[in-house]
Amino acid sequence: MTTELHRPKFNFKWSTLSHYKDPYGDILWHIFWGIVVAVSIIYSIIIKDFLFLIISLIALIFFFHPFFYENIELSISLDSTGIKVNENFYKWDEFMGFEIFSNGERYLIYLIAKQPLHFGLTLPLENYLPIEEIRATLREFLDEYTNAVPAWERWYRNFFK
């Protein structure tokens, strides 16, 4: 990794669509409906009402399946100061490494957070981007890992392309 003074100047910018965040954005919305659906499923099992169980499972799918969320346009920029995703800015110091992986249709960059309780950041790449050049540039700032992407992230990105 390079020091602050010896960082190369570069700038990669692209726009893409992703299920980066849900349109509701409110954690209370998820907690409320998660509790309602969970109680409905448990209640339907206790009273042995198969139809109510099916309705509750359908509600679970409608409330939490990313297919029903709108695609969000992401404007991503990588430069020597850090990473900008729409209006959110992340310094290089917030991450300890990266991995570039594929879900079969596109490549994604997974940035591994330094803080153990923070989630990593996944950036979808477009097909026209020079992936090897981006990889070489990221190596200037971060360590490259293999098999560092959590299993749930791989599953999510493979299942919900």
N, C-alpha and C. Protein backbone atom coordinates (compact mmCIF):
# COMPACT_ATOMS: atom_id res chain seq x y z
N MET A 1 0.84 -1.18 0.00
CA MET A 1 0.00 0.00 0.00
C MET A 1 0.89 1.24 0.00
N THR A 2 0.42 2.27 -0.63
CA THR A 2 1.21 3.48 -0.74
C THR A 2 0.87 4.46 0.36
N THR A 3 1.79 5.36 0.60
CA THR A 3 1.54 6.39 1.60
C THR A 3 0.73 7.52 0.97
N GLU A 4 0.26 8.40 1.81
CA GLU A 4 -0.57 9.53 1.36
C GLU A 4 0.13 10.38 0.32
N LEU A 5 1.44 10.59 0.47
CA LEU A 5 2.17 11.47 -0.44
C LEU A 5 2.44 10.85 -1.80
N HIS A 6 2.50 9.53 -1.86
CA HIS A 6 2.90 8.86 -3.10
C HIS A 6 1.73 8.19 -3.82
N ARG A 7 0.54 8.65 -3.58
CA ARG A 7 -0.62 8.05 -4.24
C ARG A 7 -0.68 8.51 -5.68
N PRO A 8 -0.91 7.59 -6.60
CA PRO A 8 -1.02 7.98 -8.01
C PRO A 8 -2.33 8.72 -8.27
N LYS A 9 -2.31 9.59 -9.25
CA LYS A 9 -3.52 10.32 -9.65
C LYS A 9 -4.28 9.49 -10.67
N PHE A 10 -5.54 9.28 -10.41
CA PHE A 10 -6.40 8.54 -11.33
C PHE A 10 -7.83 8.93 -11.04
N ASN A 11 -8.71 8.57 -11.94
CA ASN A 11 -10.13 8.84 -11.74
C ASN A 11 -10.93 7.89 -12.63
N PHE A 12 -11.64 6.97 -12.01
CA PHE A 12 -12.57 6.09 -12.71
C PHE A 12 -13.98 6.51 -12.31
N LYS A 13 -14.83 6.75 -13.30
CA LYS A 13 -16.23 7.11 -13.05
C LYS A 13 -17.13 6.26 -13.92
N TRP A 14 -18.24 5.82 -13.35
CA TRP A 14 -19.23 5.12 -14.14
C TRP A 14 -20.58 5.17 -13.43
N SER A 15 -21.63 4.92 -14.17
CA SER A 15 -22.98 4.83 -13.64
C SER A 15 -23.51 3.44 -13.93
N THR A 16 -24.29 2.92 -13.01
CA THR A 16 -24.83 1.59 -13.16
C THR A 16 -26.11 1.48 -12.35
N LEU A 17 -26.84 0.39 -12.54
CA LEU A 17 -28.04 0.12 -11.76
C LEU A 17 -27.75 -0.98 -10.76
N SER A 18 -28.33 -0.85 -9.59
CA SER A 18 -28.09 -1.86 -8.57
C SER A 18 -29.21 -1.82 -7.54
N HIS A 19 -29.35 -2.92 -6.82
CA HIS A 19 -30.21 -2.96 -5.63
C HIS A 19 -29.33 -2.56 -4.45
N TYR A 20 -28.75 -1.39 -4.55
CA TYR A 20 -27.78 -0.96 -3.54
C TYR A 20 -28.44 -0.72 -2.20
N LYS A 21 -29.61 -0.07 -2.22
CA LYS A 21 -30.38 0.08 -1.00
C LYS A 21 -31.85 0.05 -1.38
N ASP A 22 -32.67 -0.34 -0.43
CA ASP A 22 -34.08 -0.48 -0.74
C ASP A 22 -34.74 0.90 -0.79
N PRO A 23 -35.87 1.01 -1.47
CA PRO A 23 -36.52 2.32 -1.62
C PRO A 23 -37.12 2.84 -0.32
N TYR A 24 -37.33 1.96 0.64
CA TYR A 24 -37.96 2.39 1.89
C TYR A 24 -36.92 3.02 2.80
N GLY A 25 -35.74 2.46 2.85
CA GLY A 25 -34.61 3.07 3.54
C GLY A 25 -34.74 3.17 5.04
N ASP A 26 -35.85 2.82 5.60
CA ASP A 26 -36.06 2.99 7.02
C ASP A 26 -35.97 1.65 7.72
N ILE A 27 -35.07 1.53 8.67
CA ILE A 27 -34.90 0.27 9.39
C ILE A 27 -36.14 -0.07 10.21
N LEU A 28 -36.86 0.93 10.68
CA LEU A 28 -38.09 0.66 11.45
C LEU A 28 -39.16 0.00 10.59
N TRP A 29 -39.19 0.36 9.30
CA TRP A 29 -40.13 -0.27 8.39
C TRP A 29 -39.84 -1.77 8.31
N HIS A 30 -38.57 -2.13 8.19
CA HIS A 30 -38.19 -3.54 8.11
C HIS A 30 -38.45 -4.27 9.43
N ILE A 31 -38.12 -3.63 10.53
CA ILE A 31 -38.34 -4.28 11.83
C ILE A 31 -39.83 -4.51 12.07
N PHE A 32 -40.65 -3.50 11.81
CA PHE A 32 -42.09 -3.63 12.03
C PHE A 32 -42.68 -4.77 11.20
N TRP A 33 -42.42 -4.74 9.88
CA TRP A 33 -43.01 -5.77 9.03
C TRP A 33 -42.35 -7.13 9.24
N GLY A 34 -41.11 -7.14 9.63
CA GLY A 34 -40.46 -8.40 9.97
C GLY A 34 -41.12 -9.07 11.17
N ILE A 35 -41.44 -8.26 12.17
CA ILE A 35 -42.12 -8.80 13.36
C ILE A 35 -43.53 -9.26 13.00
N VAL A 36 -44.26 -8.45 12.24
CA VAL A 36 -45.63 -8.82 11.84
C VAL A 36 -45.63 -10.14 11.07
N VAL A 37 -44.75 -10.27 10.10
CA VAL A 37 -44.71 -11.49 9.29
C VAL A 37 -44.24 -12.68 10.13
N ALA A 38 -43.23 -12.50 10.97
CA ALA A 38 -42.74 -13.59 11.82
C ALA A 38 -43.83 -14.08 12.78
N VAL A 39 -44.55 -13.15 13.40
CA VAL A 39 -45.65 -13.53 14.30
C VAL A 39 -46.74 -14.25 13.51
N SER A 40 -47.03 -13.78 12.31
CA SER A 40 -48.05 -14.43 11.49
C SER A 40 -47.66 -15.86 11.13
N ILE A 41 -46.39 -16.06 10.78
CA ILE A 41 -45.92 -17.41 10.44
C ILE A 41 -45.99 -18.32 11.65
N ILE A 42 -45.52 -17.85 12.79
CA ILE A 42 -45.55 -18.67 14.02
C ILE A 42 -46.99 -18.96 14.41
N TYR A 43 -47.86 -17.96 14.35
CA TYR A 43 -49.26 -18.15 14.70
C TYR A 43 -49.92 -19.17 13.78
N SER A 44 -49.63 -19.08 12.47
CA SER A 44 -50.25 -20.02 11.54
C SER A 44 -49.77 -21.45 11.77
N ILE A 45 -48.53 -21.61 12.23
CA ILE A 45 -48.04 -22.95 12.55
C ILE A 45 -48.70 -23.47 13.83
N ILE A 46 -48.84 -22.61 14.83
CA ILE A 46 -49.46 -23.03 16.10
C ILE A 46 -50.91 -23.44 15.89
N ILE A 47 -51.67 -22.65 15.13
CA ILE A 47 -53.09 -22.99 14.94
C ILE A 47 -53.30 -23.96 13.77
N LYS A 48 -52.21 -24.31 13.10
CA LYS A 48 -52.25 -25.28 12.00
C LYS A 48 -53.16 -24.82 10.85
N ASP A 49 -53.01 -23.57 10.50
CA ASP A 49 -53.78 -23.00 9.40
C ASP A 49 -52.85 -22.87 8.19
N PHE A 50 -52.96 -23.83 7.29
CA PHE A 50 -52.06 -23.89 6.14
C PHE A 50 -52.23 -22.70 5.21
N LEU A 51 -53.47 -22.28 4.96
CA LEU A 51 -53.72 -21.15 4.07
C LEU A 51 -53.11 -19.85 4.62
N PHE A 52 -53.25 -19.63 5.92
CA PHE A 52 -52.67 -18.44 6.54
C PHE A 52 -51.14 -18.49 6.48
N LEU A 53 -50.57 -19.69 6.58
CA LEU A 53 -49.12 -19.85 6.47
C LEU A 53 -48.66 -19.48 5.06
N ILE A 54 -49.38 -19.93 4.05
CA ILE A 54 -49.04 -19.58 2.66
C ILE A 54 -49.13 -18.08 2.45
N ILE A 55 -50.19 -17.45 2.95
CA ILE A 55 -50.35 -16.00 2.82
C ILE A 55 -49.20 -15.27 3.53
N SER A 56 -48.81 -15.75 4.70
CA SER A 56 -47.71 -15.12 5.45
C SER A 56 -46.39 -15.27 4.71
N LEU A 57 -46.16 -16.41 4.10
CA LEU A 57 -44.92 -16.60 3.33
C LEU A 57 -44.89 -15.71 2.09
N ILE A 58 -46.05 -15.55 1.45
CA ILE A 58 -46.13 -14.64 0.31
C ILE A 58 -45.86 -13.20 0.77
N ALA A 59 -46.39 -12.83 1.92
CA ALA A 59 -46.12 -11.49 2.47
C ALA A 59 -44.63 -11.32 2.74
N LEU A 60 -43.99 -12.35 3.24
CA LEU A 60 -42.54 -12.30 3.49
C LEU A 60 -41.78 -12.02 2.20
N ILE A 61 -42.19 -12.68 1.14
CA ILE A 61 -41.54 -12.46 -0.16
C ILE A 61 -41.79 -11.04 -0.65
N PHE A 62 -43.03 -10.55 -0.56
CA PHE A 62 -43.34 -9.21 -1.06
C PHE A 62 -42.64 -8.12 -0.26
N PHE A 63 -42.50 -8.30 1.03
CA PHE A 63 -41.89 -7.25 1.84
C PHE A 63 -40.37 -7.23 1.75
N PHE A 64 -39.73 -8.36 1.52
CA PHE A 64 -38.29 -8.40 1.66
C PHE A 64 -37.51 -8.87 0.44
N HIS A 65 -38.16 -9.32 -0.58
CA HIS A 65 -37.45 -9.80 -1.77
C HIS A 65 -36.98 -8.61 -2.61
N PRO A 66 -35.69 -8.55 -2.96
CA PRO A 66 -35.17 -7.41 -3.72
C PRO A 66 -35.78 -7.28 -5.11
N PHE A 67 -36.39 -8.31 -5.64
CA PHE A 67 -37.02 -8.23 -6.95
C PHE A 67 -38.09 -7.14 -6.98
N PHE A 68 -38.73 -6.89 -5.85
CA PHE A 68 -39.80 -5.92 -5.79
C PHE A 68 -39.30 -4.51 -5.48
N TYR A 69 -38.03 -4.35 -5.29
CA TYR A 69 -37.46 -3.03 -5.09
C TYR A 69 -37.12 -2.44 -6.45
N GLU A 70 -37.14 -1.14 -6.51
CA GLU A 70 -36.76 -0.47 -7.74
C GLU A 70 -35.25 -0.46 -7.87
N ASN A 71 -34.78 -0.54 -9.11
CA ASN A 71 -33.36 -0.37 -9.33
C ASN A 71 -32.98 1.06 -9.00
N ILE A 72 -31.82 1.21 -8.41
CA ILE A 72 -31.33 2.53 -8.06
C ILE A 72 -30.11 2.81 -8.93
N GLU A 73 -30.09 3.98 -9.52
CA GLU A 73 -28.94 4.34 -10.33
C GLU A 73 -27.81 4.79 -9.42
N LEU A 74 -26.67 4.16 -9.61
CA LEU A 74 -25.48 4.50 -8.83
C LEU A 74 -24.52 5.28 -9.69
N SER A 75 -23.99 6.32 -9.13
CA SER A 75 -22.92 7.07 -9.76
C SER A 75 -21.68 6.81 -8.92
N ILE A 76 -20.72 6.06 -9.47
CA ILE A 76 -19.55 5.61 -8.71
C ILE A 76 -18.31 6.31 -9.24
N SER A 77 -17.47 6.74 -8.31
CA SER A 77 -16.23 7.40 -8.68
C SER A 77 -15.11 6.91 -7.77
N LEU A 78 -14.03 6.44 -8.38
CA LEU A 78 -12.82 6.04 -7.64
C LEU A 78 -11.72 7.02 -8.01
N ASP A 79 -11.12 7.63 -7.02
CA ASP A 79 -9.97 8.50 -7.29
C ASP A 79 -8.98 8.40 -6.13
N SER A 80 -7.95 9.21 -6.15
CA SER A 80 -6.88 9.09 -5.16
C SER A 80 -7.32 9.49 -3.76
N THR A 81 -8.43 10.21 -3.63
CA THR A 81 -8.89 10.59 -2.30
C THR A 81 -9.79 9.53 -1.67
N GLY A 82 -10.52 8.78 -2.50
CA GLY A 82 -11.41 7.76 -1.96
C GLY A 82 -12.44 7.31 -2.96
N ILE A 83 -13.55 6.85 -2.43
CA ILE A 83 -14.62 6.27 -3.23
C ILE A 83 -15.88 7.08 -2.99
N LYS A 84 -16.55 7.46 -4.05
CA LYS A 84 -17.81 8.18 -3.92
C LYS A 84 -18.90 7.38 -4.61
N VAL A 85 -19.93 7.06 -3.85
CA VAL A 85 -21.10 6.35 -4.38
C VAL A 85 -22.29 7.27 -4.15
N ASN A 86 -22.81 7.81 -5.24
CA ASN A 86 -23.85 8.85 -5.18
C ASN A 86 -23.37 9.98 -4.28
N GLU A 87 -23.98 10.20 -3.15
CA GLU A 87 -23.57 11.29 -2.26
C GLU A 87 -22.71 10.81 -1.09
N ASN A 88 -22.46 9.51 -1.01
CA ASN A 88 -21.66 8.96 0.09
C ASN A 88 -20.20 8.89 -0.30
N PHE A 89 -19.33 9.39 0.59
CA PHE A 89 -17.89 9.37 0.33
C PHE A 89 -17.21 8.47 1.36
N TYR A 90 -16.31 7.62 0.87
CA TYR A 90 -15.56 6.71 1.73
C TYR A 90 -14.07 6.93 1.46
N LYS A 91 -13.30 7.15 2.53
CA LYS A 91 -11.86 7.29 2.39
C LYS A 91 -11.24 5.90 2.23
N TRP A 92 -10.08 5.86 1.61
CA TRP A 92 -9.39 4.58 1.45
C TRP A 92 -9.04 3.97 2.80
N ASP A 93 -8.85 4.82 3.81
CA ASP A 93 -8.46 4.33 5.13
C ASP A 93 -9.57 3.53 5.83
N GLU A 94 -10.79 3.61 5.33
CA GLU A 94 -11.90 2.87 5.93
C GLU A 94 -11.89 1.39 5.55
N PHE A 95 -11.07 1.05 4.56
CA PHE A 95 -11.06 -0.32 4.05
C PHE A 95 -9.67 -0.92 4.19
N MET A 96 -9.62 -2.23 4.40
CA MET A 96 -8.32 -2.90 4.52
C MET A 96 -7.98 -3.72 3.29
N GLY A 97 -8.95 -4.04 2.46
CA GLY A 97 -8.67 -4.84 1.28
C GLY A 97 -9.87 -4.89 0.35
N PHE A 98 -9.67 -5.61 -0.74
CA PHE A 98 -10.73 -5.75 -1.74
C PHE A 98 -10.63 -7.10 -2.40
N GLU A 99 -11.73 -7.46 -3.05
CA GLU A 99 -11.75 -8.64 -3.92
C GLU A 99 -12.66 -8.32 -5.09
N ILE A 100 -12.22 -8.66 -6.28
CA ILE A 100 -13.07 -8.52 -7.47
C ILE A 100 -13.59 -9.92 -7.80
N PHE A 101 -14.92 -10.04 -7.83
CA PHE A 101 -15.51 -11.34 -8.11
C PHE A 101 -16.63 -11.18 -9.14
N SER A 102 -17.05 -12.30 -9.70
CA SER A 102 -18.07 -12.30 -10.73
C SER A 102 -19.29 -13.07 -10.25
N ASN A 103 -20.48 -12.62 -10.66
CA ASN A 103 -21.69 -13.37 -10.36
C ASN A 103 -22.23 -14.06 -11.60
N GLY A 104 -21.41 -14.15 -12.64
CA GLY A 104 -21.82 -14.79 -13.88
C GLY A 104 -22.23 -13.80 -14.95
N GLU A 105 -22.77 -12.65 -14.55
CA GLU A 105 -23.20 -11.64 -15.51
C GLU A 105 -22.34 -10.39 -15.49
N ARG A 106 -21.80 -10.06 -14.33
CA ARG A 106 -21.00 -8.86 -14.20
C ARG A 106 -19.98 -9.04 -13.09
N TYR A 107 -18.99 -8.19 -13.11
CA TYR A 107 -17.97 -8.20 -12.06
C TYR A 107 -18.37 -7.19 -10.99
N LEU A 108 -17.96 -7.50 -9.76
CA LEU A 108 -18.23 -6.63 -8.63
C LEU A 108 -16.97 -6.48 -7.81
N ILE A 109 -16.80 -5.32 -7.20
CA ILE A 109 -15.70 -5.08 -6.27
C ILE A 109 -16.29 -5.15 -4.88
N TYR A 110 -15.71 -6.00 -4.03
CA TYR A 110 -16.12 -6.06 -2.63
C TYR A 110 -15.00 -5.45 -1.81
N LEU A 111 -15.29 -4.35 -1.12
CA LEU A 111 -14.32 -3.67 -0.28
C LEU A 111 -14.51 -4.12 1.16
N ILE A 112 -13.46 -4.60 1.78
CA ILE A 112 -13.51 -5.16 3.12
C ILE A 112 -13.24 -4.05 4.13
N ALA A 113 -14.19 -3.83 5.03
CA ALA A 113 -14.08 -2.76 6.02
C ALA A 113 -13.05 -3.11 7.08
N LYS A 114 -12.37 -2.08 7.60
CA LYS A 114 -11.41 -2.28 8.69
C LYS A 114 -12.12 -2.60 9.99
N GLN A 115 -13.24 -1.96 10.23
CA GLN A 115 -13.98 -2.18 11.46
C GLN A 115 -14.67 -3.54 11.39
N PRO A 116 -14.50 -4.38 12.40
CA PRO A 116 -15.08 -5.73 12.33
C PRO A 116 -16.60 -5.78 12.30
N LEU A 117 -17.27 -4.79 12.84
CA LEU A 117 -18.74 -4.82 12.87
C LEU A 117 -19.37 -4.10 11.68
N HIS A 118 -18.57 -3.53 10.81
CA HIS A 118 -19.10 -2.86 9.63
C HIS A 118 -19.17 -3.82 8.45
N PHE A 119 -20.19 -3.63 7.63
CA PHE A 119 -20.31 -4.44 6.42
C PHE A 119 -19.37 -3.91 5.36
N GLY A 120 -18.98 -4.78 4.45
CA GLY A 120 -18.18 -4.36 3.31
C GLY A 120 -19.05 -3.61 2.32
N LEU A 121 -18.41 -3.01 1.35
CA LEU A 121 -19.09 -2.24 0.33
C LEU A 121 -18.94 -2.97 -1.00
N THR A 122 -20.04 -3.20 -1.69
CA THR A 122 -20.02 -3.87 -2.98
C THR A 122 -20.30 -2.86 -4.08
N LEU A 123 -19.41 -2.80 -5.06
CA LEU A 123 -19.55 -1.88 -6.18
C LEU A 123 -19.68 -2.68 -7.47
N PRO A 124 -20.81 -2.59 -8.17
CA PRO A 124 -20.95 -3.29 -9.44
C PRO A 124 -20.15 -2.58 -10.53
N LEU A 125 -19.46 -3.37 -11.33
CA LEU A 125 -18.67 -2.84 -12.45
C LEU A 125 -19.43 -3.05 -13.75
N GLU A 126 -19.26 -2.15 -14.66
CA GLU A 126 -19.84 -2.30 -15.99
C GLU A 126 -18.86 -3.05 -16.88
N ASN A 127 -19.37 -3.68 -17.93
CA ASN A 127 -18.55 -4.51 -18.82
C ASN A 127 -17.49 -3.72 -19.58
N TYR A 128 -17.72 -2.45 -19.83
CA TYR A 128 -16.78 -1.66 -20.62
C TYR A 128 -15.59 -1.14 -19.80
N LEU A 129 -15.61 -1.33 -18.49
CA LEU A 129 -14.53 -0.82 -17.64
C LEU A 129 -13.28 -1.71 -17.74
N PRO A 130 -12.09 -1.13 -17.66
CA PRO A 130 -10.85 -1.92 -17.69
C PRO A 130 -10.61 -2.56 -16.32
N ILE A 131 -11.08 -3.77 -16.14
CA ILE A 131 -11.05 -4.42 -14.82
C ILE A 131 -9.62 -4.62 -14.32
N GLU A 132 -8.73 -5.04 -15.19
CA GLU A 132 -7.34 -5.26 -14.75
C GLU A 132 -6.66 -3.95 -14.35
N GLU A 133 -6.98 -2.87 -15.03
CA GLU A 133 -6.43 -1.57 -14.67
C GLU A 133 -6.99 -1.10 -13.32
N ILE A 134 -8.27 -1.34 -13.08
CA ILE A 134 -8.88 -1.00 -11.80
C ILE A 134 -8.26 -1.84 -10.69
N ARG A 135 -8.06 -3.14 -10.96
CA ARG A 135 -7.44 -4.02 -9.97
C ARG A 135 -6.03 -3.53 -9.62
N ALA A 136 -5.24 -3.19 -10.62
CA ALA A 136 -3.87 -2.72 -10.38
C ALA A 136 -3.89 -1.41 -9.59
N THR A 137 -4.82 -0.54 -9.89
CA THR A 137 -4.92 0.73 -9.16
C THR A 137 -5.34 0.50 -7.72
N LEU A 138 -6.31 -0.38 -7.49
CA LEU A 138 -6.76 -0.67 -6.12
C LEU A 138 -5.65 -1.29 -5.29
N ARG A 139 -4.76 -2.05 -5.92
CA ARG A 139 -3.63 -2.64 -5.19
C ARG A 139 -2.70 -1.58 -4.63
N GLU A 140 -2.72 -0.39 -5.22
CA GLU A 140 -1.90 0.72 -4.70
C GLU A 140 -2.41 1.19 -3.33
N PHE A 141 -3.69 0.98 -3.07
CA PHE A 141 -4.30 1.48 -1.85
C PHE A 141 -4.65 0.39 -0.84
N LEU A 142 -5.02 -0.77 -1.35
CA LEU A 142 -5.55 -1.83 -0.51
C LEU A 142 -4.89 -3.15 -0.84
N ASP A 143 -4.98 -4.09 0.09
CA ASP A 143 -4.52 -5.45 -0.15
C ASP A 143 -5.59 -6.20 -0.93
N GLU A 144 -5.16 -7.06 -1.85
CA GLU A 144 -6.12 -7.88 -2.59
C GLU A 144 -6.27 -9.22 -1.90
N TYR A 145 -7.50 -9.64 -1.71
CA TYR A 145 -7.80 -10.90 -1.05
C TYR A 145 -8.48 -11.85 -2.03
N THR A 146 -8.45 -13.12 -1.70
CA THR A 146 -9.24 -14.11 -2.43
C THR A 146 -10.13 -14.81 -1.42
N ASN A 147 -11.34 -15.12 -1.82
CA ASN A 147 -12.34 -15.75 -0.97
C ASN A 147 -12.63 -14.96 0.29
N ALA A 148 -12.61 -13.64 0.19
CA ALA A 148 -12.91 -12.77 1.33
C ALA A 148 -14.36 -12.31 1.34
N VAL A 149 -15.05 -12.50 0.23
CA VAL A 149 -16.44 -12.09 0.15
C VAL A 149 -17.27 -13.06 0.99
N PRO A 150 -18.09 -12.53 1.91
CA PRO A 150 -18.91 -13.42 2.74
C PRO A 150 -19.85 -14.27 1.88
N ALA A 151 -20.16 -15.44 2.38
CA ALA A 151 -21.02 -16.37 1.64
C ALA A 151 -22.38 -15.75 1.35
N TRP A 152 -22.95 -15.02 2.29
CA TRP A 152 -24.27 -14.42 2.06
C TRP A 152 -24.22 -13.37 0.94
N GLU A 153 -23.10 -12.65 0.82
CA GLU A 153 -22.97 -11.66 -0.25
C GLU A 153 -22.85 -12.34 -1.61
N ARG A 154 -22.07 -13.42 -1.68
CA ARG A 154 -21.97 -14.18 -2.94
C ARG A 154 -23.32 -14.76 -3.32
N TRP A 155 -24.01 -15.32 -2.36
CA TRP A 155 -25.32 -15.91 -2.62
C TRP A 155 -26.29 -14.84 -3.11
N TYR A 156 -26.32 -13.71 -2.43
CA TYR A 156 -27.22 -12.63 -2.81
C TYR A 156 -26.91 -12.15 -4.23
N ARG A 157 -25.63 -11.93 -4.54
CA ARG A 157 -25.26 -11.41 -5.85
C ARG A 157 -25.44 -12.45 -6.96
N ASN A 158 -25.35 -13.74 -6.63
CA ASN A 158 -25.58 -14.77 -7.63
C ASN A 158 -27.08 -15.02 -7.85
N PHE A 159 -27.85 -14.92 -6.79
CA PHE A 159 -29.27 -15.21 -6.89
C PHE A 159 -30.06 -14.04 -7.44
N PHE A 160 -29.74 -12.83 -6.98
CA PHE A 160 -30.44 -11.62 -7.41
C PHE A 160 -29.53 -10.79 -8.30
N LYS A 161 -29.31 -11.22 -9.52
CA LYS A 161 -28.41 -10.56 -10.43
C LYS A 161 -29.00 -9.26 -10.86
